[in-house]
Amino acid sequence: LLTSGTALAKEYAAGALRKLAVNSDNQVAIVKAGAIPPLVELLTSGIADAKEKAAAALRNLAFGNSDNKAAIAKAGAIPPLVELLTSRTADAKENAAAALRNLAFGNSDNQVAIAKAGAIPPLVELLTSGTAYAKENAAAALRNLAFGNSDNQVAIAKAGA
């Protein structure tokens, strides 16, 4: 359904994967089934609700799974997640920030890629303009980007955090 369904079916499929991906065994199975590339595609081509659910599914797939973090970044998810930080919908901003938080945690390559994709200024902006959940996820993403990365620490300070 992620690749051949209607726009609404793709949204529902991404939503189902979001819920299933909270389980570590399911994370592995979802990735083995090839779900990462179509989820990344939804970040750019899906309807607004599908983008939010795709970001949430990627957030959960990245949580606590270093192989998935690398695969998600390799599939090109970071630039569209950064773009969602400035989306019109609060849910998309929240889930994009949370996905970037998880992708940056314990992964120095992703820390660099996320910063290079321009995530720091919109994450800093969310600290003051976002919902409570967006603020929480933006702060955690910035913490994970800064951890052990002096270039990111400087960029975060310069961005006004």
N, C-alpha and C. Protein backbone atom coordinates (compact mmCIF):
# COMPACT_ATOMS: atom_id res chain seq x y z
N LEU A 1 0.81 -1.21 0.00
CA LEU A 1 0.00 0.00 0.00
C LEU A 1 0.84 1.27 0.00
N LEU A 2 2.04 1.20 0.57
CA LEU A 2 2.89 2.40 0.61
C LEU A 2 3.32 2.84 -0.78
N THR A 3 3.40 1.91 -1.71
CA THR A 3 3.89 2.26 -3.04
C THR A 3 2.81 2.29 -4.11
N SER A 4 1.71 1.59 -3.91
CA SER A 4 0.73 1.51 -4.99
C SER A 4 -0.69 1.89 -4.58
N GLY A 5 -0.90 2.21 -3.35
CA GLY A 5 -2.26 2.53 -2.90
C GLY A 5 -2.64 3.98 -3.20
N THR A 6 -3.86 4.30 -2.86
CA THR A 6 -4.33 5.68 -2.98
C THR A 6 -3.60 6.53 -1.94
N ALA A 7 -3.75 7.84 -2.05
CA ALA A 7 -3.12 8.74 -1.08
C ALA A 7 -3.58 8.41 0.34
N LEU A 8 -4.86 8.13 0.49
CA LEU A 8 -5.39 7.81 1.81
C LEU A 8 -4.88 6.45 2.30
N ALA A 9 -4.78 5.48 1.40
CA ALA A 9 -4.26 4.17 1.78
C ALA A 9 -2.81 4.27 2.22
N LYS A 10 -2.02 5.10 1.53
CA LYS A 10 -0.63 5.30 1.92
C LYS A 10 -0.55 5.93 3.31
N GLU A 11 -1.42 6.89 3.57
CA GLU A 11 -1.45 7.51 4.89
C GLU A 11 -1.76 6.47 5.96
N TYR A 12 -2.79 5.65 5.72
CA TYR A 12 -3.16 4.63 6.70
C TYR A 12 -2.05 3.59 6.88
N ALA A 13 -1.39 3.22 5.79
CA ALA A 13 -0.29 2.25 5.88
C ALA A 13 0.85 2.82 6.72
N ALA A 14 1.20 4.09 6.47
CA ALA A 14 2.25 4.72 7.26
C ALA A 14 1.85 4.80 8.73
N GLY A 15 0.58 5.08 8.98
CA GLY A 15 0.09 5.13 10.36
C GLY A 15 0.17 3.78 11.05
N ALA A 16 -0.14 2.73 10.31
CA ALA A 16 -0.05 1.38 10.88
C ALA A 16 1.41 1.03 11.18
N LEU A 17 2.30 1.36 10.26
CA LEU A 17 3.72 1.09 10.49
C LEU A 17 4.25 1.88 11.68
N ARG A 18 3.76 3.11 11.84
CA ARG A 18 4.15 3.92 13.00
C ARG A 18 3.83 3.17 14.29
N LYS A 19 2.64 2.62 14.36
CA LYS A 19 2.24 1.91 15.59
C LYS A 19 2.99 0.59 15.75
N LEU A 20 3.19 -0.12 14.65
CA LEU A 20 3.89 -1.41 14.72
C LEU A 20 5.37 -1.24 15.07
N ALA A 21 5.96 -0.14 14.67
CA ALA A 21 7.40 0.06 14.84
C ALA A 21 7.82 0.38 16.27
N VAL A 22 6.90 0.42 17.20
CA VAL A 22 7.31 0.63 18.59
C VAL A 22 7.89 -0.65 19.19
N ASN A 23 7.76 -1.76 18.49
CA ASN A 23 8.27 -3.05 18.93
C ASN A 23 9.56 -3.35 18.16
N SER A 24 10.63 -3.73 18.86
CA SER A 24 11.93 -3.91 18.20
C SER A 24 11.91 -5.04 17.17
N ASP A 25 11.19 -6.12 17.43
CA ASP A 25 11.09 -7.19 16.42
C ASP A 25 10.37 -6.69 15.18
N ASN A 26 9.34 -5.91 15.38
CA ASN A 26 8.61 -5.33 14.24
C ASN A 26 9.49 -4.35 13.47
N GLN A 27 10.34 -3.59 14.18
CA GLN A 27 11.26 -2.67 13.49
C GLN A 27 12.08 -3.41 12.45
N VAL A 28 12.63 -4.54 12.86
CA VAL A 28 13.47 -5.33 11.96
C VAL A 28 12.65 -5.86 10.79
N ALA A 29 11.48 -6.39 11.08
CA ALA A 29 10.63 -6.95 10.03
C ALA A 29 10.17 -5.88 9.04
N ILE A 30 9.83 -4.71 9.54
CA ILE A 30 9.38 -3.61 8.67
C ILE A 30 10.49 -3.19 7.73
N VAL A 31 11.70 -3.08 8.24
CA VAL A 31 12.83 -2.69 7.40
C VAL A 31 13.15 -3.78 6.39
N LYS A 32 13.12 -5.03 6.82
CA LYS A 32 13.38 -6.15 5.89
C LYS A 32 12.34 -6.20 4.78
N ALA A 33 11.14 -5.75 5.07
CA ALA A 33 10.08 -5.74 4.05
C ALA A 33 10.24 -4.58 3.07
N GLY A 34 11.24 -3.72 3.30
CA GLY A 34 11.52 -2.64 2.36
C GLY A 34 10.72 -1.38 2.57
N ALA A 35 10.28 -1.10 3.79
CA ALA A 35 9.40 0.03 4.04
C ALA A 35 10.10 1.39 4.09
N ILE A 36 11.40 1.42 4.32
CA ILE A 36 12.05 2.72 4.49
C ILE A 36 11.97 3.59 3.22
N PRO A 37 12.36 3.11 2.05
CA PRO A 37 12.28 3.99 0.87
C PRO A 37 10.88 4.55 0.60
N PRO A 38 9.81 3.76 0.66
CA PRO A 38 8.50 4.37 0.43
C PRO A 38 8.08 5.35 1.53
N LEU A 39 8.51 5.12 2.75
CA LEU A 39 8.21 6.09 3.82
C LEU A 39 8.94 7.40 3.54
N VAL A 40 10.18 7.31 3.10
CA VAL A 40 10.93 8.53 2.76
C VAL A 40 10.25 9.24 1.59
N GLU A 41 9.79 8.49 0.61
CA GLU A 41 9.08 9.09 -0.53
C GLU A 41 7.83 9.82 -0.06
N LEU A 42 7.12 9.27 0.90
CA LEU A 42 5.91 9.92 1.43
C LEU A 42 6.23 11.27 2.08
N LEU A 43 7.43 11.41 2.62
CA LEU A 43 7.81 12.68 3.25
C LEU A 43 7.77 13.84 2.26
N THR A 44 7.96 13.53 0.99
CA THR A 44 7.98 14.59 -0.01
C THR A 44 6.78 14.60 -0.93
N SER A 45 6.17 13.44 -1.13
CA SER A 45 5.11 13.37 -2.13
C SER A 45 3.73 13.09 -1.55
N GLY A 46 3.66 12.76 -0.30
CA GLY A 46 2.37 12.40 0.29
C GLY A 46 1.54 13.61 0.67
N ILE A 47 0.27 13.34 0.98
CA ILE A 47 -0.59 14.39 1.53
C ILE A 47 -0.08 14.74 2.92
N ALA A 48 -0.52 15.86 3.46
CA ALA A 48 0.01 16.37 4.73
C ALA A 48 -0.04 15.32 5.85
N ASP A 49 -1.18 14.64 6.00
CA ASP A 49 -1.30 13.64 7.06
C ASP A 49 -0.38 12.45 6.82
N ALA A 50 -0.16 12.09 5.57
CA ALA A 50 0.74 10.99 5.25
C ALA A 50 2.18 11.36 5.59
N LYS A 51 2.56 12.61 5.33
CA LYS A 51 3.91 13.07 5.68
C LYS A 51 4.14 12.97 7.18
N GLU A 52 3.15 13.40 7.95
CA GLU A 52 3.26 13.35 9.41
C GLU A 52 3.38 11.91 9.89
N LYS A 53 2.58 11.02 9.33
CA LYS A 53 2.63 9.61 9.75
C LYS A 53 3.91 8.93 9.28
N ALA A 54 4.41 9.29 8.11
CA ALA A 54 5.69 8.74 7.64
C ALA A 54 6.82 9.19 8.56
N ALA A 55 6.81 10.46 8.96
CA ALA A 55 7.83 10.95 9.89
C ALA A 55 7.75 10.20 11.22
N ALA A 56 6.53 9.95 11.69
CA ALA A 56 6.35 9.22 12.95
C ALA A 56 6.81 7.78 12.82
N ALA A 57 6.54 7.15 11.68
CA ALA A 57 7.00 5.78 11.48
C ALA A 57 8.53 5.73 11.46
N LEU A 58 9.15 6.67 10.77
CA LEU A 58 10.62 6.72 10.74
C LEU A 58 11.18 7.03 12.13
N ARG A 59 10.49 7.89 12.87
CA ARG A 59 10.89 8.17 14.26
C ARG A 59 10.96 6.86 15.05
N ASN A 60 9.91 6.06 14.96
CA ASN A 60 9.86 4.81 15.73
C ASN A 60 10.84 3.78 15.20
N LEU A 61 11.03 3.73 13.88
CA LEU A 61 12.00 2.78 13.32
C LEU A 61 13.42 3.11 13.76
N ALA A 62 13.72 4.39 13.96
CA ALA A 62 15.07 4.81 14.36
C ALA A 62 15.32 4.62 15.84
N PHE A 63 14.27 4.54 16.63
CA PHE A 63 14.43 4.48 18.08
C PHE A 63 15.15 3.21 18.50
N GLY A 64 16.33 3.36 19.07
CA GLY A 64 17.07 2.24 19.64
C GLY A 64 17.60 1.23 18.63
N ASN A 65 17.67 1.59 17.36
CA ASN A 65 18.14 0.64 16.35
C ASN A 65 19.16 1.34 15.45
N SER A 66 20.44 1.09 15.70
CA SER A 66 21.49 1.79 14.96
C SER A 66 21.50 1.42 13.48
N ASP A 67 21.19 0.18 13.14
CA ASP A 67 21.13 -0.20 11.73
C ASP A 67 20.03 0.58 11.00
N ASN A 68 18.89 0.72 11.64
CA ASN A 68 17.79 1.46 11.04
C ASN A 68 18.13 2.94 10.89
N LYS A 69 18.82 3.51 11.89
CA LYS A 69 19.23 4.91 11.79
C LYS A 69 20.07 5.13 10.54
N ALA A 70 21.02 4.25 10.31
CA ALA A 70 21.88 4.37 9.14
C ALA A 70 21.09 4.18 7.85
N ALA A 71 20.20 3.19 7.84
CA ALA A 71 19.41 2.91 6.63
C ALA A 71 18.46 4.06 6.30
N ILE A 72 17.88 4.67 7.31
CA ILE A 72 16.96 5.80 7.11
C ILE A 72 17.73 6.99 6.53
N ALA A 73 18.90 7.26 7.07
CA ALA A 73 19.72 8.36 6.54
C ALA A 73 20.16 8.06 5.11
N LYS A 74 20.59 6.84 4.86
CA LYS A 74 21.05 6.44 3.53
C LYS A 74 19.93 6.56 2.50
N ALA A 75 18.70 6.33 2.92
CA ALA A 75 17.54 6.42 2.02
C ALA A 75 17.16 7.86 1.71
N GLY A 76 17.83 8.82 2.35
CA GLY A 76 17.57 10.22 2.03
C GLY A 76 16.51 10.90 2.88
N ALA A 77 16.25 10.39 4.06
CA ALA A 77 15.17 10.93 4.90
C ALA A 77 15.51 12.26 5.55
N ILE A 78 16.78 12.56 5.75
CA ILE A 78 17.12 13.73 6.54
C ILE A 78 16.66 15.05 5.90
N PRO A 79 16.96 15.33 4.63
CA PRO A 79 16.49 16.61 4.07
C PRO A 79 14.97 16.81 4.13
N PRO A 80 14.15 15.81 3.77
CA PRO A 80 12.70 16.06 3.88
C PRO A 80 12.22 16.18 5.32
N LEU A 81 12.87 15.51 6.26
CA LEU A 81 12.50 15.69 7.67
C LEU A 81 12.81 17.12 8.11
N VAL A 82 13.95 17.65 7.67
CA VAL A 82 14.30 19.03 8.00
C VAL A 82 13.27 19.97 7.39
N GLU A 83 12.86 19.70 6.17
CA GLU A 83 11.84 20.54 5.53
C GLU A 83 10.52 20.52 6.31
N LEU A 84 10.17 19.37 6.87
CA LEU A 84 8.93 19.27 7.64
C LEU A 84 8.97 20.10 8.93
N LEU A 85 10.16 20.45 9.39
CA LEU A 85 10.26 21.29 10.59
C LEU A 85 9.61 22.64 10.39
N THR A 86 9.46 23.05 9.16
CA THR A 86 8.82 24.33 8.86
C THR A 86 7.46 24.13 8.19
N SER A 87 6.90 22.96 8.35
CA SER A 87 5.59 22.63 7.79
C SER A 87 4.50 23.48 8.41
N ARG A 88 3.35 23.47 7.78
CA ARG A 88 2.21 24.21 8.32
C ARG A 88 1.53 23.46 9.47
N THR A 89 1.76 22.16 9.60
CA THR A 89 1.04 21.41 10.62
C THR A 89 1.91 21.13 11.84
N ALA A 90 1.32 21.27 13.00
CA ALA A 90 2.04 21.03 14.25
C ALA A 90 2.49 19.57 14.35
N ASP A 91 1.63 18.63 13.95
CA ASP A 91 1.98 17.22 14.04
C ASP A 91 3.21 16.88 13.20
N ALA A 92 3.29 17.45 12.01
CA ALA A 92 4.45 17.19 11.16
C ALA A 92 5.72 17.73 11.80
N LYS A 93 5.66 18.94 12.36
CA LYS A 93 6.82 19.52 13.03
C LYS A 93 7.25 18.65 14.21
N GLU A 94 6.28 18.23 15.01
CA GLU A 94 6.58 17.41 16.18
C GLU A 94 7.26 16.11 15.79
N ASN A 95 6.68 15.42 14.80
CA ASN A 95 7.23 14.12 14.42
C ASN A 95 8.54 14.24 13.66
N ALA A 96 8.71 15.29 12.88
CA ALA A 96 10.00 15.50 12.21
C ALA A 96 11.09 15.76 13.25
N ALA A 97 10.81 16.60 14.23
CA ALA A 97 11.79 16.86 15.28
C ALA A 97 12.12 15.59 16.06
N ALA A 98 11.11 14.79 16.34
CA ALA A 98 11.33 13.54 17.07
C ALA A 98 12.14 12.55 16.24
N ALA A 99 11.86 12.47 14.94
CA ALA A 99 12.63 11.58 14.07
C ALA A 99 14.09 12.02 14.02
N LEU A 100 14.32 13.32 13.88
CA LEU A 100 15.70 13.83 13.86
C LEU A 100 16.38 13.59 15.20
N ARG A 101 15.63 13.73 16.29
CA ARG A 101 16.17 13.43 17.62
C ARG A 101 16.69 12.00 17.67
N ASN A 102 15.87 11.06 17.20
CA ASN A 102 16.27 9.65 17.25
C ASN A 102 17.41 9.34 16.28
N LEU A 103 17.38 9.96 15.11
CA LEU A 103 18.44 9.72 14.14
C LEU A 103 19.78 10.24 14.63
N ALA A 104 19.78 11.35 15.37
CA ALA A 104 21.03 11.95 15.86
C ALA A 104 21.59 11.23 17.08
N PHE A 105 20.74 10.55 17.84
CA PHE A 105 21.18 9.94 19.09
C PHE A 105 22.21 8.84 18.82
N GLY A 106 23.42 9.05 19.30
CA GLY A 106 24.46 8.03 19.21
C GLY A 106 24.96 7.74 17.80
N ASN A 107 24.72 8.64 16.86
CA ASN A 107 25.17 8.42 15.49
C ASN A 107 25.85 9.69 14.98
N SER A 108 27.17 9.69 15.01
CA SER A 108 27.92 10.89 14.64
C SER A 108 27.75 11.25 13.17
N ASP A 109 27.62 10.26 12.29
CA ASP A 109 27.40 10.57 10.87
C ASP A 109 26.08 11.31 10.69
N ASN A 110 25.04 10.85 11.38
CA ASN A 110 23.74 11.52 11.28
C ASN A 110 23.77 12.90 11.92
N GLN A 111 24.53 13.06 12.99
CA GLN A 111 24.67 14.39 13.60
C GLN A 111 25.17 15.39 12.56
N VAL A 112 26.19 15.00 11.81
CA VAL A 112 26.77 15.87 10.79
C VAL A 112 25.78 16.10 9.66
N ALA A 113 25.16 15.03 9.18
CA ALA A 113 24.23 15.13 8.05
C ALA A 113 23.02 16.01 8.39
N ILE A 114 22.51 15.87 9.60
CA ILE A 114 21.35 16.66 10.02
C ILE A 114 21.72 18.14 10.09
N ALA A 115 22.87 18.44 10.64
CA ALA A 115 23.31 19.84 10.70
C ALA A 115 23.55 20.39 9.30
N LYS A 116 24.19 19.62 8.44
CA LYS A 116 24.45 20.07 7.06
C LYS A 116 23.16 20.29 6.28
N ALA A 117 22.12 19.56 6.64
CA ALA A 117 20.83 19.71 5.96
C ALA A 117 20.07 20.95 6.43
N GLY A 118 20.64 21.65 7.41
CA GLY A 118 20.03 22.91 7.85
C GLY A 118 19.03 22.78 8.98
N ALA A 119 19.11 21.73 9.76
CA ALA A 119 18.12 21.49 10.81
C ALA A 119 18.25 22.40 12.02
N ILE A 120 19.43 22.92 12.28
CA ILE A 120 19.62 23.64 13.54
C ILE A 120 18.75 24.90 13.64
N PRO A 121 18.73 25.80 12.67
CA PRO A 121 17.86 26.99 12.82
C PRO A 121 16.37 26.67 13.03
N PRO A 122 15.76 25.77 12.24
CA PRO A 122 14.34 25.50 12.52
C PRO A 122 14.11 24.78 13.85
N LEU A 123 15.07 23.97 14.28
CA LEU A 123 14.92 23.34 15.61
C LEU A 123 14.97 24.40 16.70
N VAL A 124 15.88 25.35 16.58
CA VAL A 124 15.96 26.44 17.55
C VAL A 124 14.66 27.25 17.52
N GLU A 125 14.14 27.51 16.34
CA GLU A 125 12.87 28.24 16.21
C GLU A 125 11.73 27.51 16.91
N LEU A 126 11.71 26.19 16.80
CA LEU A 126 10.65 25.41 17.46
C LEU A 126 10.70 25.53 18.98
N LEU A 127 11.87 25.84 19.53
CA LEU A 127 11.99 26.00 20.98
C LEU A 127 11.07 27.10 21.51
N THR A 128 10.77 28.07 20.67
CA THR A 128 9.91 29.17 21.11
C THR A 128 8.55 29.19 20.42
N SER A 129 8.47 28.62 19.23
CA SER A 129 7.22 28.75 18.46
C SER A 129 6.40 27.47 18.39
N GLY A 130 6.96 26.35 18.80
CA GLY A 130 6.27 25.08 18.64
C GLY A 130 5.33 24.76 19.78
N THR A 131 4.59 23.67 19.58
CA THR A 131 3.76 23.14 20.65
C THR A 131 4.67 22.62 21.75
N ALA A 132 4.10 22.27 22.87
CA ALA A 132 4.91 21.72 23.98
C ALA A 132 5.69 20.49 23.53
N TYR A 133 5.03 19.61 22.76
CA TYR A 133 5.68 18.38 22.28
C TYR A 133 6.77 18.72 21.26
N ALA A 134 6.53 19.69 20.40
CA ALA A 134 7.55 20.11 19.44
C ALA A 134 8.76 20.71 20.16
N LYS A 135 8.50 21.53 21.17
CA LYS A 135 9.60 22.12 21.95
C LYS A 135 10.44 21.03 22.61
N GLU A 136 9.76 20.05 23.19
CA GLU A 136 10.46 18.94 23.85
C GLU A 136 11.35 18.19 22.86
N ASN A 137 10.78 17.87 21.69
CA ASN A 137 11.54 17.11 20.70
C ASN A 137 12.64 17.95 20.06
N ALA A 138 12.39 19.23 19.86
CA ALA A 138 13.44 20.11 19.32
C ALA A 138 14.60 20.21 20.29
N ALA A 139 14.29 20.38 21.57
CA ALA A 139 15.36 20.46 22.58
C ALA A 139 16.16 19.17 22.63
N ALA A 140 15.47 18.04 22.57
CA ALA A 140 16.17 16.75 22.60
C ALA A 140 16.99 16.54 21.34
N ALA A 141 16.46 16.96 20.19
CA ALA A 141 17.22 16.84 18.94
C ALA A 141 18.49 17.70 19.01
N LEU A 142 18.37 18.92 19.51
CA LEU A 142 19.54 19.79 19.65
C LEU A 142 20.55 19.19 20.63
N ARG A 143 20.06 18.63 21.72
CA ARG A 143 20.96 17.96 22.67
C ARG A 143 21.73 16.85 21.98
N ASN A 144 21.01 16.01 21.20
CA ASN A 144 21.66 14.88 20.53
C ASN A 144 22.62 15.35 19.43
N LEU A 145 22.28 16.45 18.77
CA LEU A 145 23.17 17.00 17.75
C LEU A 145 24.44 17.56 18.39
N ALA A 146 24.32 18.12 19.57
CA ALA A 146 25.46 18.74 20.25
C ALA A 146 26.38 17.73 20.92
N PHE A 147 25.85 16.60 21.31
CA PHE A 147 26.62 15.63 22.10
C PHE A 147 27.87 15.17 21.34
N GLY A 148 29.03 15.54 21.86
CA GLY A 148 30.30 15.10 21.28
C GLY A 148 30.64 15.73 19.94
N ASN A 149 29.93 16.80 19.55
CA ASN A 149 30.18 17.42 18.25
C ASN A 149 30.35 18.93 18.46
N SER A 150 31.60 19.38 18.52
CA SER A 150 31.86 20.78 18.83
C SER A 150 31.37 21.72 17.72
N ASP A 151 31.42 21.28 16.47
CA ASP A 151 30.90 22.14 15.39
C ASP A 151 29.40 22.39 15.57
N ASN A 152 28.68 21.35 15.89
CA ASN A 152 27.24 21.52 16.13
C ASN A 152 26.97 22.36 17.37
N GLN A 153 27.79 22.20 18.39
CA GLN A 153 27.61 23.01 19.59
C GLN A 153 27.72 24.49 19.27
N VAL A 154 28.72 24.85 18.45
CA VAL A 154 28.90 26.24 18.06
C VAL A 154 27.71 26.71 17.20
N ALA A 155 27.31 25.88 16.25
CA ALA A 155 26.19 26.26 15.37
C ALA A 155 24.89 26.44 16.15
N ILE A 156 24.66 25.62 17.15
CA ILE A 156 23.46 25.73 17.97
C ILE A 156 23.50 27.04 18.78
N ALA A 157 24.65 27.34 19.34
CA ALA A 157 24.79 28.61 20.09
C ALA A 157 24.60 29.81 19.17
N LYS A 158 25.19 29.76 17.98
CA LYS A 158 25.05 30.87 17.03
C LYS A 158 23.62 31.04 16.54
N ALA A 159 22.84 29.94 16.54
CA ALA A 159 21.45 30.00 16.11
C ALA A 159 20.54 30.57 17.18
N GLY A 160 21.09 30.77 18.37
CA GLY A 160 20.31 31.43 19.42
C GLY A 160 19.71 30.53 20.46
N ALA A 161 20.14 29.29 20.53
CA ALA A 161 19.58 28.38 21.54
C ALA A 161 20.14 28.69 22.91
